[in-house]
């Protein structure tokens, strides 16, 4: 073991890679919120399994919640996926909300008067 490895281990910088999912699932993080405190808005994960989900998404946006849309189930049907995204873009615009792609499988939708900073690299 080299001297740099020893220093890294002593500082807690070395060793195995962090398992993010394991960390996020830890009990300490589950108890961060106060169960008695009502939130002003929620971030709701929704899987785009069929076109009927559009109604649920619109309702959540009307209620002021953010939607983290997983489009993975619809990736094989590009035509339907394009139609759904077009409808959601039109709806977001009509309520003065916003829509943006987070990655190849996730889209973020925001309610009225909430905008997403979109930066291109």
PDB file of N, CA and C in Angstrom:
ATOM      1  N   UNK A   1       0.850  -1.178   0.000  1.00  0.00           N
ATOM      2  CA  UNK A   1       0.000   0.000   0.000  1.00  0.00           C
ATOM      3  C   UNK A   1       0.887   1.229   0.000  1.00  0.00           C
ATOM      4  N   UNK A   2       0.622   2.154  -0.915  1.00  0.00           N
ATOM      5  CA  UNK A   2       1.421   3.363  -1.021  1.00  0.00           C
ATOM      6  C   UNK A   2       1.054   4.377   0.040  1.00  0.00           C
ATOM      7  N   UNK A   3       1.925   5.347   0.174  1.00  0.00           N
ATOM      8  CA  UNK A   3       1.717   6.370   1.206  1.00  0.00           C
ATOM      9  C   UNK A   3       0.462   7.196   0.920  1.00  0.00           C
ATOM     10  N   UNK A   4       0.183   7.498  -0.363  1.00  0.00           N
ATOM     11  CA  UNK A   4      -1.025   8.263  -0.687  1.00  0.00           C
ATOM     12  C   UNK A   4      -2.288   7.484  -0.338  1.00  0.00           C
ATOM     13  N   UNK A   5      -2.244   6.165  -0.549  1.00  0.00           N
ATOM     14  CA  UNK A   5      -3.396   5.333  -0.203  1.00  0.00           C
ATOM     15  C   UNK A   5      -3.629   5.355   1.304  1.00  0.00           C
ATOM     16  N   UNK A   6      -2.534   5.315   2.084  1.00  0.00           N
ATOM     17  CA  UNK A   6      -2.664   5.349   3.548  1.00  0.00           C
ATOM     18  C   UNK A   6      -3.298   6.662   4.007  1.00  0.00           C
ATOM     19  N   UNK A   7      -2.843   7.787   3.404  1.00  0.00           N
ATOM     20  CA  UNK A   7      -3.437   9.079   3.759  1.00  0.00           C
ATOM     21  C   UNK A   7      -4.904   9.142   3.353  1.00  0.00           C
ATOM     22  N   UNK A   8      -5.217   8.637   2.173  1.00  0.00           N
ATOM     23  CA  UNK A   8      -6.605   8.634   1.706  1.00  0.00           C
ATOM     24  C   UNK A   8      -7.491   7.828   2.636  1.00  0.00           C
ATOM     25  N   UNK A   9      -7.000   6.651   3.055  1.00  0.00           N
ATOM     26  CA  UNK A   9      -7.768   5.816   3.968  1.00  0.00           C
ATOM     27  C   UNK A   9      -7.941   6.489   5.323  1.00  0.00           C
ATOM     28  N   UNK A  10      -6.898   7.144   5.810  1.00  0.00           N
ATOM     29  CA  UNK A  10      -6.965   7.821   7.107  1.00  0.00           C
ATOM     30  C   UNK A  10      -7.964   8.971   7.082  1.00  0.00           C
ATOM     31  N   UNK A  11      -8.088   9.634   5.939  1.00  0.00           N
ATOM     32  CA  UNK A  11      -9.022  10.754   5.813  1.00  0.00           C
ATOM     33  C   UNK A  11     -10.418  10.315   5.411  1.00  0.00           C
ATOM     34  N   UNK A  12     -10.583   9.021   5.170  1.00  0.00           N
ATOM     35  CA  UNK A  12     -11.882   8.515   4.755  1.00  0.00           C
ATOM     36  C   UNK A  12     -12.153   8.727   3.278  1.00  0.00           C
ATOM     37  N   UNK A  13     -11.103   8.974   2.504  1.00  0.00           N
ATOM     38  CA  UNK A  13     -11.263   9.232   1.078  1.00  0.00           C
ATOM     39  C   UNK A  13     -11.038   8.000   0.224  1.00  0.00           C
ATOM     40  N   UNK A  14     -10.435   6.999   0.778  1.00  0.00           N
ATOM     41  CA  UNK A  14     -10.109   5.810   0.001  1.00  0.00           C
ATOM     42  C   UNK A  14     -11.153   4.734   0.192  1.00  0.00           C
ATOM     43  N   UNK A  15     -10.804   3.541  -0.209  1.00  0.00           N
ATOM     44  CA  UNK A  15     -11.693   2.404   0.002  1.00  0.00           C
ATOM     45  C   UNK A  15     -12.686   2.231  -1.120  1.00  0.00           C
ATOM     46  N   UNK A  16     -13.802   1.613  -0.772  1.00  0.00           N
ATOM     47  CA  UNK A  16     -14.794   1.275  -1.792  1.00  0.00           C
ATOM     48  C   UNK A  16     -15.562   2.503  -2.251  1.00  0.00           C
ATOM     49  N   UNK A  17     -16.169   2.378  -3.421  1.00  0.00           N
ATOM     50  CA  UNK A  17     -16.981   3.453  -3.957  1.00  0.00           C
ATOM     51  C   UNK A  17     -18.278   3.562  -3.174  1.00  0.00           C
ATOM     52  N   UNK A  18     -18.819   4.753  -3.145  1.00  0.00           N
ATOM     53  CA  UNK A  18     -20.071   4.989  -2.425  1.00  0.00           C
ATOM     54  C   UNK A  18     -21.238   4.395  -3.202  1.00  0.00           C
ATOM     55  N   UNK A  19     -22.101   3.674  -2.511  1.00  0.00           N
ATOM     56  CA  UNK A  19     -23.322   3.157  -3.110  1.00  0.00           C
ATOM     57  C   UNK A  19     -24.416   4.190  -2.829  1.00  0.00           C
ATOM     58  N   UNK A  20     -24.723   5.000  -3.837  1.00  0.00           N
ATOM     59  CA  UNK A  20     -25.661   6.113  -3.664  1.00  0.00           C
ATOM     60  C   UNK A  20     -27.045   5.609  -3.263  1.00  0.00           C
ATOM     61  N   UNK A  21     -27.529   4.549  -3.916  1.00  0.00           N
ATOM     62  CA  UNK A  21     -28.859   4.035  -3.596  1.00  0.00           C
ATOM     63  C   UNK A  21     -28.931   3.563  -2.147  1.00  0.00           C
ATOM     64  N   UNK A  22     -27.885   2.885  -1.688  1.00  0.00           N
ATOM     65  CA  UNK A  22     -27.855   2.414  -0.302  1.00  0.00           C
ATOM     66  C   UNK A  22     -27.884   3.594   0.661  1.00  0.00           C
ATOM     67  N   UNK A  23     -27.139   4.646   0.331  1.00  0.00           N
ATOM     68  CA  UNK A  23     -27.119   5.837   1.171  1.00  0.00           C
ATOM     69  C   UNK A  23     -28.484   6.516   1.199  1.00  0.00           C
ATOM     70  N   UNK A  24     -29.112   6.667   0.026  1.00  0.00           N
ATOM     71  CA  UNK A  24     -30.416   7.324  -0.037  1.00  0.00           C
ATOM     72  C   UNK A  24     -31.502   6.524   0.670  1.00  0.00           C
ATOM     73  N   UNK A  25     -31.356   5.203   0.720  1.00  0.00           N
ATOM     74  CA  UNK A  25     -32.332   4.352   1.381  1.00  0.00           C
ATOM     75  C   UNK A  25     -32.128   4.260   2.889  1.00  0.00           C
ATOM     76  N   UNK A  26     -31.071   4.886   3.392  1.00  0.00           N
ATOM     77  CA  UNK A  26     -30.765   4.754   4.818  1.00  0.00           C
ATOM     78  C   UNK A  26     -31.864   5.379   5.679  1.00  0.00           C
ATOM     79  N   UNK A  27     -32.008   4.867   6.861  1.00  0.00           N
ATOM     80  CA  UNK A  27     -33.070   5.307   7.778  1.00  0.00           C
ATOM     81  C   UNK A  27     -32.913   6.772   8.162  1.00  0.00           C
ATOM     82  N   UNK A  28     -31.682   7.264   8.250  1.00  0.00           N
ATOM     83  CA  UNK A  28     -31.468   8.666   8.617  1.00  0.00           C
ATOM     84  C   UNK A  28     -32.139   9.611   7.631  1.00  0.00           C
ATOM     85  N   UNK A  29     -32.060   9.304   6.338  1.00  0.00           N
ATOM     86  CA  UNK A  29     -32.673  10.171   5.334  1.00  0.00           C
ATOM     87  C   UNK A  29     -34.186  10.049   5.327  1.00  0.00           C
ATOM     88  N   UNK A  30     -34.706   8.895   5.680  1.00  0.00           N
ATOM     89  CA  UNK A  30     -36.157   8.711   5.706  1.00  0.00           C
ATOM     90  C   UNK A  30     -36.813   9.567   6.770  1.00  0.00           C
ATOM     91  N   UNK A  31     -36.084   9.909   7.811  1.00  0.00           N
ATOM     92  CA  UNK A  31     -36.644  10.658   8.925  1.00  0.00           C
ATOM     93  C   UNK A  31     -36.348  12.153   8.855  1.00  0.00           C
ATOM     94  N   UNK A  32     -35.935  12.651   7.687  1.00  0.00           N
ATOM     95  CA  UNK A  32     -35.614  14.069   7.560  1.00  0.00           C
ATOM     96  C   UNK A  32     -36.849  14.961   7.621  1.00  0.00           C
ATOM     97  N   UNK A  33     -37.950  14.512   7.078  1.00  0.00           N
ATOM     98  CA  UNK A  33     -39.140  15.364   7.038  1.00  0.00           C
ATOM     99  C   UNK A  33     -39.929  15.257   8.337  1.00  0.00           C
ATOM    100  N   UNK A  34     -40.655  16.296   8.624  1.00  0.00           N
ATOM    101  CA  UNK A  34     -41.531  16.317   9.789  1.00  0.00           C
ATOM    102  C   UNK A  34     -42.916  15.869   9.319  1.00  0.00           C
ATOM    103  N   UNK A  35     -43.389  14.749   9.819  1.00  0.00           N
ATOM    104  CA  UNK A  35     -44.653  14.170   9.361  1.00  0.00           C
ATOM    105  C   UNK A  35     -45.843  15.101   9.598  1.00  0.00           C
ATOM    106  N   UNK A  36     -45.734  16.003  10.568  1.00  0.00           N
ATOM    107  CA  UNK A  36     -46.830  16.912  10.871  1.00  0.00           C
ATOM    108  C   UNK A  36     -46.827  18.162   9.993  1.00  0.00           C
ATOM    109  N   UNK A  37     -45.743  18.395   9.269  1.00  0.00           N
ATOM    110  CA  UNK A  37     -45.622  19.600   8.460  1.00  0.00           C
ATOM    111  C   UNK A  37     -46.134  19.340   7.042  1.00  0.00           C
ATOM    112  N   UNK A  38     -47.066  20.167   6.601  1.00  0.00           N
ATOM    113  CA  UNK A  38     -47.628  20.065   5.251  1.00  0.00           C
ATOM    114  C   UNK A  38     -46.698  20.774   4.285  1.00  0.00           C
ATOM    115  N   UNK A  39     -46.424  20.158   3.151  1.00  0.00           N
ATOM    116  CA  UNK A  39     -45.561  20.754   2.137  1.00  0.00           C
ATOM    117  C   UNK A  39     -46.379  21.669   1.227  1.00  0.00           C
ATOM    118  N   UNK A  40     -45.741  22.714   0.716  1.00  0.00           N
ATOM    119  CA  UNK A  40     -46.396  23.617  -0.222  1.00  0.00           C
ATOM    120  C   UNK A  40     -46.574  22.935  -1.575  1.00  0.00           C
ATOM    121  N   UNK A  41     -45.639  22.068  -1.922  1.00  0.00           N
ATOM    122  CA  UNK A  41     -45.704  21.337  -3.191  1.00  0.00           C
ATOM    123  C   UNK A  41     -44.897  20.057  -3.040  1.00  0.00           C
ATOM    124  N   UNK A  42     -45.142  19.143  -3.953  1.00  0.00           N
ATOM    125  CA  UNK A  42     -44.446  17.855  -3.935  1.00  0.00           C
ATOM    126  C   UNK A  42     -43.797  17.599  -5.290  1.00  0.00           C
ATOM    127  N   UNK A  43     -42.732  16.819  -5.284  1.00  0.00           N
ATOM    128  CA  UNK A  43     -42.142  16.304  -6.510  1.00  0.00           C
ATOM    129  C   UNK A  43     -42.667  14.885  -6.645  1.00  0.00           C
ATOM    130  N   UNK A  44     -43.430  14.642  -7.704  1.00  0.00           N
ATOM    131  CA  UNK A  44     -44.092  13.349  -7.867  1.00  0.00           C
ATOM    132  C   UNK A  44     -43.470  12.579  -9.025  1.00  0.00           C
ATOM    133  N   UNK A  45     -42.943  11.392  -8.751  1.00  0.00           N
ATOM    134  CA  UNK A  45     -42.442  10.557  -9.844  1.00  0.00           C
ATOM    135  C   UNK A  45     -43.602   9.851 -10.537  1.00  0.00           C
ATOM    136  N   UNK A  46     -43.604   9.894 -11.861  1.00  0.00           N
ATOM    137  CA  UNK A  46     -44.653   9.249 -12.653  1.00  0.00           C
ATOM    138  C   UNK A  46     -43.987   8.496 -13.796  1.00  0.00           C
ATOM    139  N   UNK A  47     -44.396   7.250 -13.999  1.00  0.00           N
ATOM    140  CA  UNK A  47     -43.902   6.461 -15.132  1.00  0.00           C
ATOM    141  C   UNK A  47     -44.890   6.582 -16.283  1.00  0.00           C
ATOM    142  N   UNK A  48     -44.379   6.866 -17.456  1.00  0.00           N
ATOM    143  CA  UNK A  48     -45.215   7.016 -18.643  1.00  0.00           C
ATOM    144  C   UNK A  48     -45.453   5.633 -19.249  1.00  0.00           C
ATOM    145  N   UNK A  49     -46.429   4.933 -18.687  1.00  0.00           N
ATOM    146  CA  UNK A  49     -46.732   3.578 -19.134  1.00  0.00           C
ATOM    147  C   UNK A  49     -47.771   3.547 -20.238  1.00  0.00           C
ATOM    148  N   UNK A  50     -48.634   4.578 -20.281  1.00  0.00           N
ATOM    149  CA  UNK A  50     -49.634   4.696 -21.345  1.00  0.00           C
ATOM    150  C   UNK A  50     -50.113   6.140 -21.403  1.00  0.00           C
ATOM    151  N   UNK A  51     -50.911   6.450 -22.407  1.00  0.00           N
ATOM    152  CA  UNK A  51     -51.357   7.836 -22.600  1.00  0.00           C
ATOM    153  C   UNK A  51     -52.334   8.305 -21.516  1.00  0.00           C
ATOM    154  N   UNK A  52     -52.922   7.377 -20.794  1.00  0.00           N
ATOM    155  CA  UNK A  52     -53.861   7.756 -19.725  1.00  0.00           C
ATOM    156  C   UNK A  52     -53.181   8.499 -18.585  1.00  0.00           C
ATOM    157  N   UNK A  53     -51.875   8.412 -18.504  1.00  0.00           N
ATOM    158  CA  UNK A  53     -51.120   9.081 -17.444  1.00  0.00           C
ATOM    159  C   UNK A  53     -51.167  10.603 -17.620  1.00  0.00           C
ATOM    160  N   UNK A  54     -51.452  11.058 -18.828  1.00  0.00           N
ATOM    161  CA  UNK A  54     -51.500  12.499 -19.091  1.00  0.00           C
ATOM    162  C   UNK A  54     -52.498  13.184 -18.164  1.00  0.00           C
ATOM    163  N   UNK A  55     -53.641  12.571 -17.936  1.00  0.00           N
ATOM    164  CA  UNK A  55     -54.662  13.143 -17.052  1.00  0.00           C
ATOM    165  C   UNK A  55     -54.119  13.324 -15.637  1.00  0.00           C
ATOM    166  N   UNK A  56     -53.427  12.313 -15.136  1.00  0.00           N
ATOM    167  CA  UNK A  56     -52.830  12.384 -13.794  1.00  0.00           C
ATOM    168  C   UNK A  56     -51.786  13.498 -13.723  1.00  0.00           C
ATOM    169  N   UNK A  57     -50.967  13.605 -14.754  1.00  0.00           N
ATOM    170  CA  UNK A  57     -49.922  14.635 -14.784  1.00  0.00           C
ATOM    171  C   UNK A  57     -50.546  16.029 -14.759  1.00  0.00           C
ATOM    172  N   UNK A  58     -51.561  16.251 -15.567  1.00  0.00           N
ATOM    173  CA  UNK A  58     -52.228  17.549 -15.610  1.00  0.00           C
ATOM    174  C   UNK A  58     -52.835  17.899 -14.253  1.00  0.00           C
ATOM    175  N   UNK A  59     -53.447  16.931 -13.620  1.00  0.00           N
ATOM    176  CA  UNK A  59     -54.050  17.157 -12.299  1.00  0.00           C
ATOM    177  C   UNK A  59     -52.984  17.548 -11.271  1.00  0.00           C
ATOM    178  N   UNK A  60     -51.879  16.845 -11.276  1.00  0.00           N
ATOM    179  CA  UNK A  60     -50.800  17.154 -10.332  1.00  0.00           C
ATOM    180  C   UNK A  60     -50.231  18.545 -10.585  1.00  0.00           C
ATOM    181  N   UNK A  61     -50.052  18.907 -11.845  1.00  0.00           N
ATOM    182  CA  UNK A  61     -49.557  20.244 -12.171  1.00  0.00           C
ATOM    183  C   UNK A  61     -50.561  21.312 -11.744  1.00  0.00           C
ATOM    184  N   UNK A  62     -51.857  21.064 -11.933  1.00  0.00           N
ATOM    185  CA  UNK A  62     -52.890  22.005 -11.467  1.00  0.00           C
ATOM    186  C   UNK A  62     -52.822  22.183  -9.954  1.00  0.00           C
ATOM    187  N   UNK A  63     -52.443  21.114  -9.252  1.00  0.00           N
ATOM    188  CA  UNK A  63     -52.328  21.175  -7.793  1.00  0.00           C
ATOM    189  C   UNK A  63     -51.020  21.810  -7.330  1.00  0.00           C
ATOM    190  N   UNK A  64     -50.176  22.219  -8.280  1.00  0.00           N
ATOM    191  CA  UNK A  64     -48.933  22.912  -7.931  1.00  0.00           C
ATOM    192  C   UNK A  64     -47.749  21.998  -7.702  1.00  0.00           C
ATOM    193  N   UNK A  65     -47.870  20.725  -8.049  1.00  0.00           N
ATOM    194  CA  UNK A  65     -46.775  19.777  -7.837  1.00  0.00           C
ATOM    195  C   UNK A  65     -45.881  19.681  -9.065  1.00  0.00           C
ATOM    196  N   UNK A  66     -44.629  19.289  -8.846  1.00  0.00           N
ATOM    197  CA  UNK A  66     -43.684  19.041  -9.924  1.00  0.00           C
ATOM    198  C   UNK A  66     -43.771  17.575 -10.299  1.00  0.00           C
ATOM    199  N   UNK A  67     -43.551  17.271 -11.569  1.00  0.00           N
ATOM    200  CA  UNK A  67     -43.603  15.898 -12.045  1.00  0.00           C
ATOM    201  C   UNK A  67     -42.235  15.496 -12.577  1.00  0.00           C
ATOM    202  N   UNK A  68     -41.710  14.386 -12.087  1.00  0.00           N
ATOM    203  CA  UNK A  68     -40.506  13.772 -12.630  1.00  0.00           C
ATOM    204  C   UNK A  68     -40.988  12.569 -13.425  1.00  0.00           C
ATOM    205  N   UNK A  69     -41.043  12.743 -14.742  1.00  0.00           N
ATOM    206  CA  UNK A  69     -41.647  11.761 -15.627  1.00  0.00           C
ATOM    207  C   UNK A  69     -40.599  10.801 -16.173  1.00  0.00           C
ATOM    208  N   UNK A  70     -40.789   9.519 -15.896  1.00  0.00           N
ATOM    209  CA  UNK A  70     -39.919   8.466 -16.421  1.00  0.00           C
ATOM    210  C   UNK A  70     -40.540   7.976 -17.724  1.00  0.00           C
ATOM    211  N   UNK A  71     -39.869   8.236 -18.846  1.00  0.00           N
ATOM    212  CA  UNK A  71     -40.418   7.863 -20.151  1.00  0.00           C
ATOM    213  C   UNK A  71     -39.914   6.506 -20.634  1.00  0.00           C
ATOM    214  N   UNK A  72     -39.135   5.805 -19.827  1.00  0.00           N
ATOM    215  CA  UNK A  72     -38.572   4.511 -20.225  1.00  0.00           C
ATOM    216  C   UNK A  72     -39.615   3.532 -20.751  1.00  0.00           C
ATOM    217  N   UNK A  73     -40.774   3.374 -20.091  1.00  0.00           N
ATOM    218  CA  UNK A  73     -41.748   2.402 -20.606  1.00  0.00           C
ATOM    219  C   UNK A  73     -42.265   2.719 -22.007  1.00  0.00           C
ATOM    220  N   UNK A  74     -42.144   3.972 -22.451  1.00  0.00           N
ATOM    221  CA  UNK A  74     -42.690   4.372 -23.743  1.00  0.00           C
ATOM    222  C   UNK A  74     -41.608   4.559 -24.812  1.00  0.00           C
ATOM    223  N   UNK A  75     -40.351   4.311 -24.488  1.00  0.00           N
ATOM    224  CA  UNK A  75     -39.264   4.562 -25.439  1.00  0.00           C
ATOM    225  C   UNK A  75     -39.369   3.733 -26.713  1.00  0.00           C
ATOM    226  N   UNK A  76     -39.957   2.561 -26.636  1.00  0.00           N
ATOM    227  CA  UNK A  76     -40.058   1.700 -27.817  1.00  0.00           C
ATOM    228  C   UNK A  76     -41.134   2.159 -28.794  1.00  0.00           C
ATOM    229  N   UNK A  77     -42.032   3.023 -28.333  1.00  0.00           N
ATOM    230  CA  UNK A  77     -43.107   3.521 -29.184  1.00  0.00           C
ATOM    231  C   UNK A  77     -42.890   5.017 -29.422  1.00  0.00           C
ATOM    232  N   UNK A  78     -41.963   5.325 -30.310  1.00  0.00           N
ATOM    233  CA  UNK A  78     -41.532   6.706 -30.529  1.00  0.00           C
ATOM    234  C   UNK A  78     -42.660   7.622 -30.986  1.00  0.00           C
ATOM    235  N   UNK A  79     -43.543   7.111 -31.811  1.00  0.00           N
ATOM    236  CA  UNK A  79     -44.645   7.930 -32.326  1.00  0.00           C
ATOM    237  C   UNK A  79     -45.562   8.386 -31.188  1.00  0.00           C
ATOM    238  N   UNK A  80     -45.962   7.456 -30.339  1.00  0.00           N
ATOM    239  CA  UNK A  80     -46.836   7.791 -29.205  1.00  0.00           C
ATOM    240  C   UNK A  80     -46.095   8.687 -28.217  1.00  0.00           C
ATOM    241  N   UNK A  81     -44.828   8.381 -27.975  1.00  0.00           N
ATOM    242  CA  UNK A  81     -44.028   9.189 -27.051  1.00  0.00           C
ATOM    243  C   UNK A  81     -43.958  10.636 -27.531  1.00  0.00           C
ATOM    244  N   UNK A  82     -43.729  10.834 -28.804  1.00  0.00           N
ATOM    245  CA  UNK A  82     -43.672  12.185 -29.368  1.00  0.00           C
ATOM    246  C   UNK A  82     -45.005  12.902 -29.194  1.00  0.00           C
ATOM    247  N   UNK A  83     -46.102  12.201 -29.439  1.00  0.00           N
ATOM    248  CA  UNK A  83     -47.425  12.805 -29.280  1.00  0.00           C
ATOM    249  C   UNK A  83     -47.682  13.199 -27.826  1.00  0.00           C
ATOM    250  N   UNK A  84     -47.316  12.327 -26.905  1.00  0.00           N
ATOM    251  CA  UNK A  84     -47.527  12.615 -25.476  1.00  0.00           C
ATOM    252  C   UNK A  84     -46.691  13.816 -25.052  1.00  0.00           C
ATOM    253  N   UNK A  85     -45.437  13.842 -25.456  1.00  0.00           N
ATOM    254  CA  UNK A  85     -44.574  14.966 -25.079  1.00  0.00           C
ATOM    255  C   UNK A  85     -45.093  16.269 -25.687  1.00  0.00           C
ATOM    256  N   UNK A  86     -45.562  16.222 -26.926  1.00  0.00           N
ATOM    257  CA  UNK A  86     -46.143  17.429 -27.533  1.00  0.00           C
ATOM    258  C   UNK A  86     -47.348  17.925 -26.737  1.00  0.00           C
ATOM    259  N   UNK A  87     -48.215  17.005 -26.311  1.00  0.00           N
ATOM    260  CA  UNK A  87     -49.390  17.393 -25.506  1.00  0.00           C
ATOM    261  C   UNK A  87     -48.953  17.996 -24.173  1.00  0.00           C
ATOM    262  N   UNK A  88     -47.929  17.399 -23.550  1.00  0.00           N
ATOM    263  CA  UNK A  88     -47.453  17.911 -22.268  1.00  0.00           C
ATOM    264  C   UNK A  88     -46.775  19.269 -22.436  1.00  0.00           C
ATOM    265  N   UNK A  89     -46.047  19.465 -23.535  1.00  0.00           N
ATOM    266  CA  UNK A  89     -45.438  20.772 -23.809  1.00  0.00           C
ATOM    267  C   UNK A  89     -46.511  21.834 -23.975  1.00  0.00           C
ATOM    268  N   UNK A  90     -47.543  21.517 -24.740  1.00  0.00           N
ATOM    269  CA  UNK A  90     -48.641  22.466 -24.950  1.00  0.00           C
ATOM    270  C   UNK A  90     -49.337  22.789 -23.630  1.00  0.00           C
ATOM    271  N   UNK A  91     -49.548  21.771 -22.807  1.00  0.00           N
ATOM    272  CA  UNK A  91     -50.225  21.991 -21.529  1.00  0.00           C
ATOM    273  C   UNK A  91     -49.359  22.842 -20.601  1.00  0.00           C
ATOM    274  N   UNK A  92     -48.071  22.523 -20.525  1.00  0.00           N
ATOM    275  CA  UNK A  92     -47.165  23.299 -19.664  1.00  0.00           C
ATOM    276  C   UNK A  92     -47.166  24.771 -20.093  1.00  0.00           C
ATOM    277  N   UNK A  93     -47.155  24.999 -21.382  1.00  0.00           N
ATOM    278  CA  UNK A  93     -47.187  26.373 -21.887  1.00  0.00           C
ATOM    279  C   UNK A  93     -48.508  27.055 -21.537  1.00  0.00           C
ATOM    280  N   UNK A  94     -49.612  26.325 -21.661  1.00  0.00           N
ATOM    281  CA  UNK A  94     -50.933  26.915 -21.399  1.00  0.00           C
ATOM    282  C   UNK A  94     -51.126  27.316 -19.940  1.00  0.00           C
ATOM    283  N   UNK A  95     -50.475  26.629 -19.029  1.00  0.00           N
ATOM    284  CA  UNK A  95     -50.605  26.976 -17.605  1.00  0.00           C
ATOM    285  C   UNK A  95     -49.447  27.851 -17.116  1.00  0.00           C
ATOM    286  N   UNK A  96     -48.566  28.245 -18.034  1.00  0.00           N
ATOM    287  CA  UNK A  96     -47.381  29.045 -17.700  1.00  0.00           C
ATOM    288  C   UNK A  96     -46.419  28.278 -16.803  1.00  0.00           C
ATOM    289  N   UNK A  97     -46.359  26.949 -17.028  1.00  0.00           N
ATOM    290  CA  UNK A  97     -45.387  26.106 -16.347  1.00  0.00           C
ATOM    291  C   UNK A  97     -44.196  25.899 -17.262  1.00  0.00           C
ATOM    292  N   UNK A  98     -43.494  24.779 -17.081  1.00  0.00           N
ATOM    293  CA  UNK A  98     -42.323  24.512 -17.907  1.00  0.00           C
ATOM    294  C   UNK A  98     -42.107  23.014 -18.037  1.00  0.00           C
ATOM    295  N   UNK A  99     -41.294  22.636 -19.019  1.00  0.00           N
ATOM    296  CA  UNK A  99     -40.957  21.239 -19.259  1.00  0.00           C
ATOM    297  C   UNK A  99     -39.517  21.195 -19.763  1.00  0.00           C
ATOM    298  N   UNK A 100     -38.751  20.202 -19.298  1.00  0.00           N
ATOM    299  CA  UNK A 100     -37.364  20.055 -19.745  1.00  0.00           C
ATOM    300  C   UNK A 100     -36.929  18.609 -19.591  1.00  0.00           C
ATOM    301  N   UNK A 101     -36.047  18.204 -20.491  1.00  0.00           N
ATOM    302  CA  UNK A 101     -35.471  16.864 -20.414  1.00  0.00           C
ATOM    303  C   UNK A 101     -34.346  16.891 -19.387  1.00  0.00           C
ATOM    304  N   UNK A 102     -34.369  15.943 -18.462  1.00  0.00           N
ATOM    305  CA  UNK A 102     -33.314  15.822 -17.457  1.00  0.00           C
ATOM    306  C   UNK A 102     -32.210  14.921 -17.986  1.00  0.00           C
ATOM    307  N   UNK A 103     -32.596  13.783 -18.525  1.00  0.00           N
ATOM    308  CA  UNK A 103     -31.683  12.866 -19.196  1.00  0.00           C
ATOM    309  C   UNK A 103     -32.481  12.105 -20.246  1.00  0.00           C
ATOM    310  N   UNK A 104     -31.922  11.063 -20.803  1.00  0.00           N
ATOM    311  CA  UNK A 104     -32.605  10.342 -21.883  1.00  0.00           C
ATOM    312  C   UNK A 104     -33.880   9.642 -21.428  1.00  0.00           C
ATOM    313  N   UNK A 105     -34.064   9.492 -20.135  1.00  0.00           N
ATOM    314  CA  UNK A 105     -35.222   8.763 -19.624  1.00  0.00           C
ATOM    315  C   UNK A 105     -36.120   9.586 -18.714  1.00  0.00           C
ATOM    316  N   UNK A 106     -35.747  10.811 -18.402  1.00  0.00           N
ATOM    317  CA  UNK A 106     -36.504  11.615 -17.443  1.00  0.00           C
ATOM    318  C   UNK A 106     -36.829  12.990 -18.005  1.00  0.00           C
ATOM    319  N   UNK A 107     -38.049  13.417 -17.725  1.00  0.00           N
ATOM    320  CA  UNK A 107     -38.520  14.755 -18.089  1.00  0.00           C
ATOM    321  C   UNK A 107     -39.088  15.402 -16.830  1.00  0.00           C
ATOM    322  N   UNK A 108     -38.780  16.671 -16.637  1.00  0.00           N
ATOM    323  CA  UNK A 108     -39.290  17.422 -15.497  1.00  0.00           C
ATOM    324  C   UNK A 108     -40.362  18.383 -15.988  1.00  0.00           C
ATOM    325  N   UNK A 109     -41.505  18.374 -15.310  1.00  0.00           N
ATOM    326  CA  UNK A 109     -42.592  19.309 -15.619  1.00  0.00           C
ATOM    327  C   UNK A 109     -42.871  20.127 -14.369  1.00  0.00           C
ATOM    328  N   UNK A 110     -43.072  21.428 -14.557  1.00  0.00           N
ATOM    329  CA  UNK A 110     -43.339  22.295 -13.415  1.00  0.00           C
ATOM    330  C   UNK A 110     -44.708  22.956 -13.561  1.00  0.00           C
ATOM    331  N   UNK A 111     -45.309  23.316 -12.442  1.00  0.00           N
ATOM    332  CA  UNK A 111     -46.624  23.979 -12.472  1.00  0.00           C
ATOM    333  C   UNK A 111     -46.489  25.454 -12.849  1.00  0.00           C
ATOM    334  N   UNK A 112     -47.598  26.155 -12.801  1.00  0.00           N
ATOM    335  CA  UNK A 112     -47.651  27.572 -13.152  1.00  0.00           C
ATOM    336  C   UNK A 112     -46.618  28.384 -12.391  1.00  0.00           C
ATOM    337  N   UNK A 113     -46.054  29.343 -13.098  1.00  0.00           N
ATOM    338  CA  UNK A 113     -45.123  30.320 -12.529  1.00  0.00           C
ATOM    339  C   UNK A 113     -43.849  29.708 -11.971  1.00  0.00           C
ATOM    340  N   UNK A 114     -43.476  28.524 -12.430  1.00  0.00           N
ATOM    341  CA  UNK A 114     -42.218  27.905 -12.020  1.00  0.00           C
ATOM    342  C   UNK A 114     -41.464  27.527 -13.289  1.00  0.00           C
ATOM    343  N   UNK A 115     -40.269  28.055 -13.449  1.00  0.00           N
ATOM    344  CA  UNK A 115     -39.487  27.832 -14.655  1.00  0.00           C
ATOM    345  C   UNK A 115     -38.245  26.998 -14.338  1.00  0.00           C
ATOM    346  N   UNK A 116     -37.756  26.318 -15.366  1.00  0.00           N
ATOM    347  CA  UNK A 116     -36.567  25.476 -15.260  1.00  0.00           C
ATOM    348  C   UNK A 116     -35.419  26.191 -15.961  1.00  0.00           C
ATOM    349  N   UNK A 117     -34.284  26.278 -15.305  1.00  0.00           N
ATOM    350  CA  UNK A 117     -33.100  26.853 -15.928  1.00  0.00           C
ATOM    351  C   UNK A 117     -32.529  25.797 -16.869  1.00  0.00           C
ATOM    352  N   UNK A 118     -32.473  26.144 -18.144  1.00  0.00           N
ATOM    353  CA  UNK A 118     -32.000  25.192 -19.163  1.00  0.00           C
ATOM    354  C   UNK A 118     -30.664  25.705 -19.683  1.00  0.00           C
ATOM    355  N   UNK A 119     -29.634  24.958 -19.370  1.00  0.00           N
ATOM    356  CA  UNK A 119     -28.290  25.328 -19.814  1.00  0.00           C
ATOM    357  C   UNK A 119     -27.790  24.318 -20.808  1.00  0.00           C
ATOM    358  N   UNK A 120     -27.219  24.795 -21.853  1.00  0.00           N
ATOM    359  CA  UNK A 120     -26.626  23.923 -22.864  1.00  0.00           C
ATOM    360  C   UNK A 120     -25.121  23.943 -22.657  1.00  0.00           C
ATOM    361  N   UNK A 121     -24.527  22.766 -22.748  1.00  0.00           N
ATOM    362  CA  UNK A 121     -23.058  22.688 -22.604  1.00  0.00           C
ATOM    363  C   UNK A 121     -22.405  22.734 -23.943  1.00  0.00           C
TER     364      UNK A 121
END
